[in-house]
Every structure is written in C-alpha cells, then in structure tokens.
C-alpha cells in the first residue's frame, strides 16, 4: 500500500504533514530545525502511520549527519513495522544504504539496495494513485538513490558505475532545491562529465559549481554554498586551468563576492 488509513481529524494530519515538510525543508540548512520539527511531527502522529514514518526518516537523517549511526539504524529499522507506505520504506532503505557506505558494510549495502529497487518498482506500478505530496517524496527518494549509489561506487573505485548512477537522476529533480543542489555539486566536483575535451569538461564542471553556489546562496543553503566554493577552488589550483577558467568566466567569478570591485575580485583568484 502507498497510503495508511488514519482515523484522526484531517486538521491533525495536515499539521503532521506540515511539520514533516518543514523538517525536510531544513535539510542542509539547520540540522537543529530538522530535528525539532520531526520530533513534534512524531509526537502528534499517533494513528497516522505514514506521518510517523516520515518523521522517523527525518530523524534518521539527523542522526546520520551527527554520526550517531546506531541510533539512525534503529530508527530506520522501525519504519517497516509502522507503515506499509512503500515510499517511506524506500527512503528508509536508501538511508540504510548511506549508513552502510559510511560504515564500510559492503554486503549490507547491496542487500538494502535490492530492497530499495524492489520498493521503487512497486511504487512505480501505482504512480497514478499518488498524491502531489507523495510525488514530491518520490522525487526525493529517486534522486537520493542516484546520489547515494553514485557516491558508494565512487569510493570503492567503480568510476563508470558511479557515473551511470548519477545519470539516473529523475528529470523532476529541479523541483527539489536541496536535491538539485546535491546533483549540481556532484556533477561539478569532477569525474561525472566525460564527453568533450579536457577544457570542455572543466568548463562544464565549473558551470555546474557556479550554478550550485548561486542557487545555494539565494536559497540559504550554506552547506552547498561552502561545498561549491571548495570544489571551485580545487578547479583553480592548476595554474593553466586557473588562467583559462578566469579568462572565460570573469562575470561568473565576480558573482561570488559582488561587493568587491572587479579588479579586487579577480585578484583573489
């Protein structure tokens, strides 16, 4: 099933959904806010299994960021006993994959990946029944699956598999700003874009990182703004690459610190 059948008032259910949406909105912005809204959603979710499962997924995200891996695993393990909602179970399995990657548990990574793929197939068999909110959760789940899988393959040295996974990103990822930023950062950080000359690839990566930085700054995502700046700095370390990128991208570089005069801005690089 993709739906639970709550018996509480619709206003109570809407409040749980609102709190969970706020919790998710603060991913990569304020981990304290993620936790606060998710805890309140869980507190109010009696009789609403889908809402409770979503709150637990948000709390597991907090635990992973804070490196409380045993706590995160316990939260995620509990979700299958709470709801039959395949989207929330899919998200739980993907977060378990991230945990396995962090803990170097390779066999378990593939076990959870198989579970996630099976859940995704079941969800896609019932796409026409999804609410708008569930469709947004599915965009998050599919994009997170691509990112987590790509990251895992990258760190075990399977470069082509890493590229292939990130290219599985759903077309609708731009509807989820945090996931779109995650995608742009991974594309720009290096190793994913392979078509073209070395100069062409550097420019495409640079474009992804500049776009990531701009959107992150406008949307108040300091995590991705900082990561984009770090990756841009790495792209400018080689003297020849630096000169080419500076010469070709002066307006874009000036956007990084618009309060500086042009000559002051370029002197940084």
Protein backbone atom coordinates (compact mmCIF):
# COMPACT_ATOMS: atom_id res chain seq x y z
CA UNK A 1 0.00 0.00 0.00
CA UNK A 2 1.06 3.60 -0.58
CA UNK A 3 -1.40 5.02 1.92
CA UNK A 4 -2.23 4.49 5.55
CA UNK A 5 -5.80 4.93 6.71
CA UNK A 6 -5.75 7.37 9.63
CA UNK A 7 -8.81 7.90 11.78
CA UNK A 8 -7.85 11.27 13.25
CA UNK A 9 -9.20 14.66 12.20
CA UNK A 10 -7.87 15.97 8.89
CA UNK A 11 -6.51 19.08 10.65
CA UNK A 12 -4.31 16.88 12.85
CA UNK A 13 -2.99 15.01 9.84
CA UNK A 14 -2.33 18.25 7.99
CA UNK A 15 -0.31 19.51 10.96
CA UNK A 16 1.86 16.39 10.94
CA UNK A 17 2.40 16.76 7.20
CA UNK A 18 3.25 20.45 7.62
CA UNK A 19 5.77 19.70 10.38
CA UNK A 20 7.37 16.97 8.30
CA UNK A 21 7.57 19.30 5.30
CA UNK A 22 9.25 21.94 7.44
CA UNK A 23 11.65 19.35 8.80
CA UNK A 24 12.59 18.30 5.28
CA UNK A 25 12.91 21.93 4.13
CA UNK A 26 15.70 22.45 6.68
CA UNK A 27 17.84 19.58 5.38
CA UNK A 28 21.27 21.12 4.64
CA UNK A 29 20.17 24.39 6.28
CA UNK A 30 19.72 23.80 10.02
CA UNK A 31 20.01 20.32 11.49
CA UNK A 32 18.55 21.54 14.81
CA UNK A 33 15.41 22.68 12.99
CA UNK A 34 15.16 19.36 11.14
CA UNK A 35 15.20 17.57 14.46
CA UNK A 36 12.80 19.93 16.24
CA UNK A 37 10.08 19.75 13.59
CA UNK A 38 10.49 15.99 13.14
CA UNK A 39 10.19 15.31 16.87
CA UNK A 40 6.99 17.35 17.04
CA UNK A 41 5.61 15.52 13.99
CA UNK A 42 6.36 12.18 15.62
CA UNK A 43 4.70 13.32 18.87
CA UNK A 44 1.49 14.24 17.04
CA UNK A 45 1.44 11.25 14.69
CA UNK A 46 -0.50 8.70 16.78
CA UNK A 47 -2.89 6.92 14.42
CA UNK A 48 -1.14 8.32 11.32
CA UNK A 49 1.44 5.74 10.33
CA UNK A 50 2.62 7.48 7.14
CA UNK A 51 3.30 10.71 9.03
CA UNK A 52 5.12 8.86 11.78
CA UNK A 53 7.31 7.00 9.29
CA UNK A 54 8.21 10.26 7.55
CA UNK A 55 9.12 11.83 10.88
CA UNK A 56 11.38 8.88 11.66
CA UNK A 57 13.07 9.21 8.29
CA UNK A 58 13.77 12.86 9.05
CA UNK A 59 15.12 11.99 12.49
CA UNK A 60 17.34 9.30 10.96
CA UNK A 61 18.76 11.95 8.61
CA UNK A 62 19.69 13.99 11.68
CA UNK A 63 21.35 11.01 13.34
CA UNK A 64 23.40 10.23 10.20
CA UNK A 65 24.61 13.83 9.93
CA UNK A 66 25.59 13.76 13.61
CA UNK A 67 27.34 10.39 13.09
CA UNK A 68 25.04 8.60 15.53
CA UNK A 69 24.87 5.62 13.25
CA UNK A 70 23.44 3.03 15.66
CA UNK A 71 20.63 5.41 16.53
CA UNK A 72 19.92 6.08 12.85
CA UNK A 73 19.82 2.36 12.09
CA UNK A 74 17.36 1.71 14.92
CA UNK A 75 15.04 4.47 13.68
CA UNK A 76 15.14 3.16 10.12
CA UNK A 77 14.64 -0.46 11.15
CA UNK A 78 11.42 0.52 12.94
CA UNK A 79 9.76 2.00 9.86
CA UNK A 80 8.80 -1.29 8.21
CA UNK A 81 6.83 -2.22 11.33
CA UNK A 82 4.96 1.09 11.34
CA UNK A 83 3.65 1.53 7.81
CA UNK A 84 3.09 -0.25 4.51
CA UNK A 85 3.83 3.01 2.67
CA UNK A 86 6.33 1.94 0.02
CA UNK A 87 7.73 5.44 -0.49
CA UNK A 88 8.73 5.84 3.15
CA UNK A 89 10.12 2.30 3.21
CA UNK A 90 12.06 3.11 0.04
CA UNK A 91 13.53 6.23 1.68
CA UNK A 92 14.42 4.22 4.79
CA UNK A 93 16.26 1.63 2.69
CA UNK A 94 18.18 4.35 0.83
CA UNK A 95 19.22 5.91 4.13
CA UNK A 96 20.36 2.47 5.27
CA UNK A 97 22.48 2.34 2.10
CA UNK A 98 24.10 5.63 3.12
CA UNK A 99 24.77 4.19 6.56
CA UNK A 100 26.40 1.11 5.03
CA UNK A 101 28.61 3.30 2.86
CA UNK A 102 29.70 5.31 5.90
CA UNK A 103 30.42 2.12 7.87
CA UNK A 104 32.06 0.14 5.04
CA UNK A 105 29.41 -2.59 5.21
CA UNK A 106 29.53 -3.62 1.58
CA UNK A 107 27.36 -6.74 1.61
CA UNK A 108 24.61 -4.99 3.56
CA UNK A 109 24.76 -2.06 1.12
CA UNK A 110 23.76 -4.36 -1.72
CA UNK A 111 21.06 -6.00 0.40
CA UNK A 112 19.44 -2.65 1.13
CA UNK A 113 19.90 -1.56 -2.47
CA UNK A 114 17.94 -4.62 -3.67
CA UNK A 115 15.20 -3.82 -1.17
CA UNK A 116 15.13 -0.21 -2.35
CA UNK A 117 14.90 -1.20 -6.01
CA UNK A 118 12.04 -3.60 -5.24
CA UNK A 119 10.17 -0.87 -3.34
CA UNK A 120 10.74 1.58 -6.19
CA UNK A 121 9.28 -0.88 -8.68
CA UNK A 122 6.19 -1.32 -6.52
CA UNK A 123 5.72 2.44 -6.24
CA UNK A 124 6.02 2.94 -9.99
CA UNK A 125 3.31 0.36 -10.56
CA UNK A 126 0.89 2.71 -8.76
CA UNK A 127 2.05 6.14 -9.91
CA UNK A 128 -1.46 7.21 -10.87
CA UNK A 129 -2.63 6.82 -7.26
CA UNK A 130 0.00 9.11 -5.74
CA UNK A 131 -0.94 12.45 -4.21
CA UNK A 132 1.10 15.54 -5.08
CA UNK A 133 2.86 15.29 -1.75
CA UNK A 134 3.79 11.66 -2.34
CA UNK A 135 5.11 12.56 -5.78
CA UNK A 136 7.43 15.08 -4.15
CA UNK A 137 8.64 12.42 -1.71
CA UNK A 138 9.25 10.13 -4.67
CA UNK A 139 11.42 12.77 -6.38
CA UNK A 140 13.48 12.94 -3.20
CA UNK A 141 13.72 9.16 -2.99
CA UNK A 142 14.77 8.64 -6.62
CA UNK A 143 17.32 11.45 -6.56
CA UNK A 144 18.73 10.27 -3.23
CA UNK A 145 19.04 6.73 -4.58
CA UNK A 146 21.08 8.01 -7.52
CA UNK A 147 23.32 10.17 -5.31
CA UNK A 148 23.93 7.54 -2.63
CA UNK A 149 24.64 4.81 -5.18
CA UNK A 150 26.98 7.06 -7.17
CA UNK A 151 28.86 8.06 -4.02
CA UNK A 152 29.27 4.45 -2.95
CA UNK A 153 30.62 3.32 -6.31
CA UNK A 154 32.96 6.31 -6.45
CA UNK A 155 34.58 5.46 -3.13
CA UNK A 156 35.12 1.79 -3.99
CA UNK A 157 36.75 2.74 -7.29
CA UNK A 158 33.96 1.80 -9.73
CA UNK A 159 34.05 5.03 -11.67
CA UNK A 160 31.81 4.09 -14.60
CA UNK A 161 29.14 2.71 -12.27
CA UNK A 162 29.35 5.95 -10.29
CA UNK A 163 28.77 7.96 -13.45
CA UNK A 164 25.92 5.72 -14.58
CA UNK A 165 24.10 6.01 -11.25
CA UNK A 166 24.20 9.80 -11.12
CA UNK A 167 22.88 9.95 -14.66
CA UNK A 168 19.78 8.08 -13.40
CA UNK A 169 18.70 11.31 -11.71
CA UNK A 170 14.96 11.92 -12.31
CA UNK A 171 14.15 14.78 -14.67
CA UNK A 172 11.99 16.38 -11.96
CA UNK A 173 14.95 16.84 -9.57
CA UNK A 174 14.87 20.61 -10.18
CA UNK A 175 11.58 20.66 -8.23
CA UNK A 176 13.52 19.77 -5.06
CA UNK A 177 16.08 22.52 -4.48
CA UNK A 178 18.25 20.63 -1.98
CA UNK A 179 18.48 17.56 -4.19
CA UNK A 180 19.11 19.69 -7.27
CA UNK A 181 21.99 21.39 -5.45
CA UNK A 182 23.31 17.97 -4.47
CA UNK A 183 23.15 16.93 -8.12
CA UNK A 184 24.90 20.07 -9.37
CA UNK A 185 27.65 19.71 -6.80
CA UNK A 186 28.29 16.07 -7.69
CA UNK A 187 28.32 16.88 -11.41
CA UNK A 188 30.75 19.74 -10.88
CA UNK A 189 33.07 18.09 -8.39
CA UNK A 190 34.65 16.02 -11.15
CA UNK A 191 34.60 12.61 -12.77
CA UNK A 192 30.99 12.50 -13.95
CA UNK A 193 31.17 14.56 -17.15
CA UNK A 194 33.27 12.68 -19.70
CA UNK A 195 32.24 13.99 -23.15
CA UNK A 196 34.45 16.62 -24.80
CA UNK A 197 37.99 17.86 -24.47
CA UNK A 198 39.62 18.39 -21.07
CA UNK A 199 38.93 22.13 -21.39
CA UNK A 200 35.29 21.48 -22.29
CA UNK A 201 34.85 19.20 -19.28
CA UNK A 202 36.45 21.74 -16.92
CA UNK A 203 34.09 24.42 -18.20
CA UNK A 204 31.00 22.23 -17.80
CA UNK A 205 32.04 21.31 -14.25
CA UNK A 206 32.72 24.96 -13.49
CA UNK A 207 29.27 25.93 -14.79
CA UNK A 208 27.62 23.34 -12.50
CA UNK A 209 29.52 24.59 -9.46
CA UNK A 210 28.80 28.26 -10.14
CA UNK A 211 25.11 27.46 -10.57
CA UNK A 212 25.16 25.40 -7.38
CA UNK A 213 26.77 28.27 -5.47
CA UNK A 214 24.33 30.87 -6.78
CA UNK A 215 21.21 28.83 -6.03
CA UNK A 216 22.57 27.82 -2.62
CA UNK A 217 23.29 31.40 -1.66
CA UNK A 218 19.90 32.63 -2.89
CA UNK A 219 18.07 29.80 -1.13
CA UNK A 220 20.09 29.92 2.10
CA UNK A 221 21.80 26.53 1.79
CA UNK A 222 25.19 27.26 3.41
CA UNK A 223 26.25 23.61 3.21
CA UNK A 224 26.11 23.56 -0.58
CA UNK A 225 27.45 27.09 -0.96
CA UNK A 226 30.54 26.08 1.02
CA UNK A 227 30.97 22.80 -0.86
CA UNK A 228 30.66 24.56 -4.20
CA UNK A 229 33.31 27.11 -3.22
CA UNK A 230 35.67 24.37 -2.09
CA UNK A 231 35.24 22.49 -5.37
CA UNK A 232 35.71 25.71 -7.36
CA UNK A 233 38.97 26.33 -5.51
CA UNK A 234 40.17 22.84 -6.41
CA UNK A 235 39.39 23.52 -10.08
CA UNK A 236 41.57 26.64 -9.90
CA UNK A 237 44.63 25.04 -8.31
CA UNK A 238 46.40 24.18 -11.57
CA UNK A 239 47.92 27.42 -12.99
CA UNK A 240 46.98 26.69 -16.62
CA UNK A 241 43.45 25.62 -15.75
CA UNK A 242 43.07 28.65 -13.49
CA UNK A 243 44.04 31.10 -16.19
CA UNK A 244 41.69 29.55 -18.73
CA UNK A 245 38.74 29.49 -16.31
CA UNK A 246 39.36 33.05 -15.11
CA UNK A 247 39.69 34.40 -18.64
CA UNK A 248 36.50 32.65 -19.78
CA UNK A 249 34.35 33.26 -16.69
CA UNK A 250 35.06 36.70 -15.27
CA UNK A 251 31.38 37.71 -14.83
CA UNK A 252 30.57 34.44 -13.07
CA UNK A 253 33.54 34.74 -10.71
CA UNK A 254 32.56 38.29 -9.84
CA UNK A 255 29.20 36.99 -8.61
CA UNK A 256 30.92 35.14 -5.78
CA UNK A 257 31.58 38.38 -3.93
CA UNK A 258 29.62 41.14 -5.67
CA UNK A 259 30.61 43.77 -3.09
CA UNK A 260 34.22 43.77 -4.28
CA UNK A 261 35.36 45.82 -7.23
CA UNK A 262 36.13 43.86 -10.37
CA UNK A 263 39.91 44.07 -10.03
CA UNK A 264 39.77 43.12 -6.33
CA UNK A 265 37.54 40.15 -7.11
CA UNK A 266 39.80 38.77 -9.81
CA UNK A 267 42.93 39.28 -7.72
CA UNK A 268 41.60 36.66 -5.28
CA UNK A 269 41.95 34.04 -7.98
